[in-house]
């Protein structure tokens, strides 16, 4: 299992990187804007903090597939460790397929069900990111959804 810190706080990223407990980070322009840094400045700092084996998940902000693909390509050029995050929407799944076909790794985020995870995986997602906390907030068992995803995607294929 990969554990990603969802943050733009470089001090926090540095602390957890030193502990060796994260597989990488995930961040987005909204989190970056709260730091007072540009997104590009933040990504550069993160690149320097994280060891070369850590993943940097960077999120597109577009809502249509075509622009997601354009943004995803640009994000992927920032570092070889970048995995592009797209939302689990119809356009996000479409962008996932296109980006994956171009050799760009994709993390489909905002996954709320096992079926969404399956659709994302079928489109080529490198990662799927279920939102356990949000599922729990709406009285759904987030961990159960993750268990279902694991059963479907991993246990049935072994």
C-alpha atoms as a PDB file:
ATOM      1  CA  UNK A   1       0.000   0.000   0.000  1.00  0.00           C
ATOM      2  CA  UNK A   2       1.214   3.455  -0.867  1.00  0.00           C
ATOM      3  CA  UNK A   3       0.696   6.297   1.580  1.00  0.00           C
ATOM      4  CA  UNK A   4       0.735   9.807   0.169  1.00  0.00           C
ATOM      5  CA  UNK A   5       0.773  12.988   2.174  1.00  0.00           C
ATOM      6  CA  UNK A   6      -1.835  15.398   0.804  1.00  0.00           C
ATOM      7  CA  UNK A   7      -0.122  18.687   1.483  1.00  0.00           C
ATOM      8  CA  UNK A   8       1.647  21.771   0.196  1.00  0.00           C
ATOM      9  CA  UNK A   9       3.385  22.396   3.524  1.00  0.00           C
ATOM     10  CA  UNK A  10       7.046  21.821   2.711  1.00  0.00           C
ATOM     11  CA  UNK A  11       8.008  21.663   6.396  1.00  0.00           C
ATOM     12  CA  UNK A  12       5.490  18.858   6.939  1.00  0.00           C
ATOM     13  CA  UNK A  13       6.658  17.098   3.773  1.00  0.00           C
ATOM     14  CA  UNK A  14      10.276  17.331   4.950  1.00  0.00           C
ATOM     15  CA  UNK A  15       9.429  15.929   8.396  1.00  0.00           C
ATOM     16  CA  UNK A  16       7.556  12.924   7.021  1.00  0.00           C
ATOM     17  CA  UNK A  17      10.167  12.313   4.333  1.00  0.00           C
ATOM     18  CA  UNK A  18      12.809  12.146   7.071  1.00  0.00           C
ATOM     19  CA  UNK A  19      10.683   9.598   8.957  1.00  0.00           C
ATOM     20  CA  UNK A  20      10.533   7.471   5.817  1.00  0.00           C
ATOM     21  CA  UNK A  21       6.821   6.705   6.140  1.00  0.00           C
ATOM     22  CA  UNK A  22       5.425   8.238   2.964  1.00  0.00           C
ATOM     23  CA  UNK A  23       5.532   6.929  -0.589  1.00  0.00           C
ATOM     24  CA  UNK A  24       5.306  10.473  -1.870  1.00  0.00           C
ATOM     25  CA  UNK A  25       2.970  13.414  -1.859  1.00  0.00           C
ATOM     26  CA  UNK A  26      -0.155  14.592  -3.545  1.00  0.00           C
ATOM     27  CA  UNK A  27      -0.870  18.263  -3.956  1.00  0.00           C
ATOM     28  CA  UNK A  28      -2.791  20.685  -6.098  1.00  0.00           C
ATOM     29  CA  UNK A  29      -2.909  24.378  -7.045  1.00  0.00           C
ATOM     30  CA  UNK A  30      -5.475  25.140  -4.322  1.00  0.00           C
ATOM     31  CA  UNK A  31      -3.142  23.860  -1.592  1.00  0.00           C
ATOM     32  CA  UNK A  32      -0.235  25.700  -3.225  1.00  0.00           C
ATOM     33  CA  UNK A  33      -2.151  28.989  -3.233  1.00  0.00           C
ATOM     34  CA  UNK A  34      -2.464  28.810   0.548  1.00  0.00           C
ATOM     35  CA  UNK A  35       1.348  28.814   0.866  1.00  0.00           C
ATOM     36  CA  UNK A  36       1.867  32.096  -0.957  1.00  0.00           C
ATOM     37  CA  UNK A  37       4.069  30.289  -3.488  1.00  0.00           C
ATOM     38  CA  UNK A  38       3.370  29.685  -7.117  1.00  0.00           C
ATOM     39  CA  UNK A  39       2.530  26.110  -8.037  1.00  0.00           C
ATOM     40  CA  UNK A  40       5.800  25.862  -9.952  1.00  0.00           C
ATOM     41  CA  UNK A  41       7.805  27.113  -6.921  1.00  0.00           C
ATOM     42  CA  UNK A  42       6.085  24.596  -4.684  1.00  0.00           C
ATOM     43  CA  UNK A  43       6.723  21.705  -7.056  1.00  0.00           C
ATOM     44  CA  UNK A  44      10.405  22.678  -7.291  1.00  0.00           C
ATOM     45  CA  UNK A  45      10.731  22.654  -3.492  1.00  0.00           C
ATOM     46  CA  UNK A  46       8.957  19.289  -3.263  1.00  0.00           C
ATOM     47  CA  UNK A  47      11.266  17.849  -5.937  1.00  0.00           C
ATOM     48  CA  UNK A  48      14.248  18.817  -3.814  1.00  0.00           C
ATOM     49  CA  UNK A  49      12.796  17.438  -0.557  1.00  0.00           C
ATOM     50  CA  UNK A  50      11.640  14.027  -1.763  1.00  0.00           C
ATOM     51  CA  UNK A  51      14.078  11.253  -2.551  1.00  0.00           C
ATOM     52  CA  UNK A  52      14.206  10.038  -6.137  1.00  0.00           C
ATOM     53  CA  UNK A  53      12.083   6.953  -5.390  1.00  0.00           C
ATOM     54  CA  UNK A  54       9.113   8.984  -4.124  1.00  0.00           C
ATOM     55  CA  UNK A  55       6.080   9.851  -6.231  1.00  0.00           C
ATOM     56  CA  UNK A  56       4.767  13.355  -6.781  1.00  0.00           C
ATOM     57  CA  UNK A  57       1.022  13.397  -7.549  1.00  0.00           C
ATOM     58  CA  UNK A  58      -0.007  16.672  -9.194  1.00  0.00           C
ATOM     59  CA  UNK A  59      -3.628  17.484  -9.930  1.00  0.00           C
ATOM     60  CA  UNK A  60      -5.173  19.040 -13.014  1.00  0.00           C
ATOM     61  CA  UNK A  61      -7.715  21.771 -12.389  1.00  0.00           C
ATOM     62  CA  UNK A  62      -9.652  21.507 -15.651  1.00  0.00           C
ATOM     63  CA  UNK A  63     -13.071  19.907 -15.818  1.00  0.00           C
ATOM     64  CA  UNK A  64     -13.117  18.889 -19.498  1.00  0.00           C
ATOM     65  CA  UNK A  65     -11.082  15.987 -20.880  1.00  0.00           C
ATOM     66  CA  UNK A  66      -9.223  17.945 -23.551  1.00  0.00           C
ATOM     67  CA  UNK A  67      -7.893  20.544 -21.113  1.00  0.00           C
ATOM     68  CA  UNK A  68      -7.139  17.850 -18.507  1.00  0.00           C
ATOM     69  CA  UNK A  69      -4.960  16.124 -21.093  1.00  0.00           C
ATOM     70  CA  UNK A  70      -3.159  19.374 -21.929  1.00  0.00           C
ATOM     71  CA  UNK A  71      -2.586  20.152 -18.237  1.00  0.00           C
ATOM     72  CA  UNK A  72      -1.616  16.541 -17.514  1.00  0.00           C
ATOM     73  CA  UNK A  73       1.042  16.555 -20.216  1.00  0.00           C
ATOM     74  CA  UNK A  74       2.499  19.796 -18.845  1.00  0.00           C
ATOM     75  CA  UNK A  75       2.528  18.439 -15.279  1.00  0.00           C
ATOM     76  CA  UNK A  76       4.212  15.217 -16.364  1.00  0.00           C
ATOM     77  CA  UNK A  77       7.091  17.224 -17.830  1.00  0.00           C
ATOM     78  CA  UNK A  78       7.927  18.817 -14.458  1.00  0.00           C
ATOM     79  CA  UNK A  79       9.569  15.647 -13.102  1.00  0.00           C
ATOM     80  CA  UNK A  80       9.867  11.990 -14.061  1.00  0.00           C
ATOM     81  CA  UNK A  81       8.256  11.079 -10.712  1.00  0.00           C
ATOM     82  CA  UNK A  82       5.016  12.917 -11.475  1.00  0.00           C
ATOM     83  CA  UNK A  83       1.743  11.026 -11.555  1.00  0.00           C
ATOM     84  CA  UNK A  84      -1.097  13.167 -12.912  1.00  0.00           C
ATOM     85  CA  UNK A  85      -4.265  13.312 -10.806  1.00  0.00           C
ATOM     86  CA  UNK A  86      -7.597  13.528 -12.572  1.00  0.00           C
ATOM     87  CA  UNK A  87     -11.060  13.388 -10.991  1.00  0.00           C
ATOM     88  CA  UNK A  88     -13.267  10.323 -11.291  1.00  0.00           C
ATOM     89  CA  UNK A  89     -15.715  11.939 -13.680  1.00  0.00           C
ATOM     90  CA  UNK A  90     -16.639  10.995 -17.233  1.00  0.00           C
ATOM     91  CA  UNK A  91     -14.119  13.524 -18.566  1.00  0.00           C
ATOM     92  CA  UNK A  92     -11.519  12.465 -16.010  1.00  0.00           C
ATOM     93  CA  UNK A  93     -11.799   8.829 -17.079  1.00  0.00           C
ATOM     94  CA  UNK A  94     -11.506   9.902 -20.718  1.00  0.00           C
ATOM     95  CA  UNK A  95      -8.410  11.981 -19.910  1.00  0.00           C
ATOM     96  CA  UNK A  96      -6.973   9.031 -17.962  1.00  0.00           C
ATOM     97  CA  UNK A  97      -7.263   6.805 -21.011  1.00  0.00           C
ATOM     98  CA  UNK A  98      -5.638   9.358 -23.324  1.00  0.00           C
ATOM     99  CA  UNK A  99      -2.805  10.221 -20.928  1.00  0.00           C
ATOM    100  CA  UNK A 100      -2.121   6.565 -20.167  1.00  0.00           C
ATOM    101  CA  UNK A 101      -1.938   5.769 -23.882  1.00  0.00           C
ATOM    102  CA  UNK A 102       0.730   8.485 -24.116  1.00  0.00           C
ATOM    103  CA  UNK A 103       2.804   6.838 -21.371  1.00  0.00           C
ATOM    104  CA  UNK A 104       1.794   9.231 -18.592  1.00  0.00           C
ATOM    105  CA  UNK A 105       0.931   7.686 -15.234  1.00  0.00           C
ATOM    106  CA  UNK A 106      -2.461   8.734 -13.859  1.00  0.00           C
ATOM    107  CA  UNK A 107      -4.028   8.728 -10.401  1.00  0.00           C
ATOM    108  CA  UNK A 108      -7.822   8.828 -10.578  1.00  0.00           C
ATOM    109  CA  UNK A 109      -8.978  10.627  -7.467  1.00  0.00           C
ATOM    110  CA  UNK A 110     -12.367  11.304  -5.885  1.00  0.00           C
ATOM    111  CA  UNK A 111     -13.216   7.600  -6.065  1.00  0.00           C
ATOM    112  CA  UNK A 112     -16.252   6.798  -3.920  1.00  0.00           C
ATOM    113  CA  UNK A 113     -17.068   3.226  -4.969  1.00  0.00           C
ATOM    114  CA  UNK A 114     -15.502  -0.013  -6.079  1.00  0.00           C
ATOM    115  CA  UNK A 115     -17.195   0.352  -9.473  1.00  0.00           C
ATOM    116  CA  UNK A 116     -15.544   3.744  -9.994  1.00  0.00           C
ATOM    117  CA  UNK A 117     -12.199   2.128  -9.158  1.00  0.00           C
ATOM    118  CA  UNK A 118     -12.838  -0.624 -11.719  1.00  0.00           C
ATOM    119  CA  UNK A 119     -13.760   1.910 -14.406  1.00  0.00           C
ATOM    120  CA  UNK A 120     -10.613   3.904 -13.597  1.00  0.00           C
ATOM    121  CA  UNK A 121      -8.418   0.810 -13.718  1.00  0.00           C
ATOM    122  CA  UNK A 122      -9.956  -0.222 -17.037  1.00  0.00           C
ATOM    123  CA  UNK A 123      -9.084   3.227 -18.414  1.00  0.00           C
ATOM    124  CA  UNK A 124      -5.465   2.627 -17.405  1.00  0.00           C
ATOM    125  CA  UNK A 125      -5.147   4.329 -14.013  1.00  0.00           C
ATOM    126  CA  UNK A 126      -1.818   3.729 -12.304  1.00  0.00           C
ATOM    127  CA  UNK A 127      -3.458   4.544  -8.962  1.00  0.00           C
ATOM    128  CA  UNK A 128      -7.013   4.987  -7.762  1.00  0.00           C
ATOM    129  CA  UNK A 129      -7.595   7.148  -4.721  1.00  0.00           C
ATOM    130  CA  UNK A 130     -10.701   6.374  -2.699  1.00  0.00           C
ATOM    131  CA  UNK A 131     -11.765   9.152  -0.360  1.00  0.00           C
ATOM    132  CA  UNK A 132     -12.157   7.159   2.839  1.00  0.00           C
ATOM    133  CA  UNK A 133     -12.710  10.146   5.117  1.00  0.00           C
ATOM    134  CA  UNK A 134     -15.380  11.658   2.902  1.00  0.00           C
ATOM    135  CA  UNK A 135     -17.109   8.278   2.608  1.00  0.00           C
ATOM    136  CA  UNK A 136     -17.125   8.022   6.391  1.00  0.00           C
ATOM    137  CA  UNK A 137     -18.491  11.574   6.611  1.00  0.00           C
ATOM    138  CA  UNK A 138     -21.543  10.561   4.587  1.00  0.00           C
ATOM    139  CA  UNK A 139     -22.113   7.458   6.732  1.00  0.00           C
ATOM    140  CA  UNK A 140     -20.597   5.007   4.280  1.00  0.00           C
ATOM    141  CA  UNK A 141     -17.863   2.674   5.440  1.00  0.00           C
ATOM    142  CA  UNK A 142     -14.765   4.042   3.706  1.00  0.00           C
ATOM    143  CA  UNK A 143     -12.585   1.107   4.735  1.00  0.00           C
ATOM    144  CA  UNK A 144     -15.176  -1.333   3.391  1.00  0.00           C
ATOM    145  CA  UNK A 145     -15.033   0.428   0.025  1.00  0.00           C
ATOM    146  CA  UNK A 146     -11.244   0.051   0.036  1.00  0.00           C
ATOM    147  CA  UNK A 147     -11.591  -3.636   0.931  1.00  0.00           C
ATOM    148  CA  UNK A 148     -14.001  -4.090  -1.983  1.00  0.00           C
ATOM    149  CA  UNK A 149     -11.583  -2.342  -4.336  1.00  0.00           C
ATOM    150  CA  UNK A 150      -8.709  -4.575  -3.232  1.00  0.00           C
ATOM    151  CA  UNK A 151     -10.803  -7.718  -3.657  1.00  0.00           C
ATOM    152  CA  UNK A 152     -11.941  -6.740  -7.129  1.00  0.00           C
ATOM    153  CA  UNK A 153      -8.746  -5.268  -8.529  1.00  0.00           C
ATOM    154  CA  UNK A 154      -6.084  -7.384  -6.876  1.00  0.00           C
ATOM    155  CA  UNK A 155      -7.396 -10.630  -5.471  1.00  0.00           C
ATOM    156  CA  UNK A 156      -9.381 -11.583  -8.535  1.00  0.00           C
ATOM    157  CA  UNK A 157      -6.354 -10.977 -10.771  1.00  0.00           C
ATOM    158  CA  UNK A 158      -3.895 -13.088  -8.772  1.00  0.00           C
END
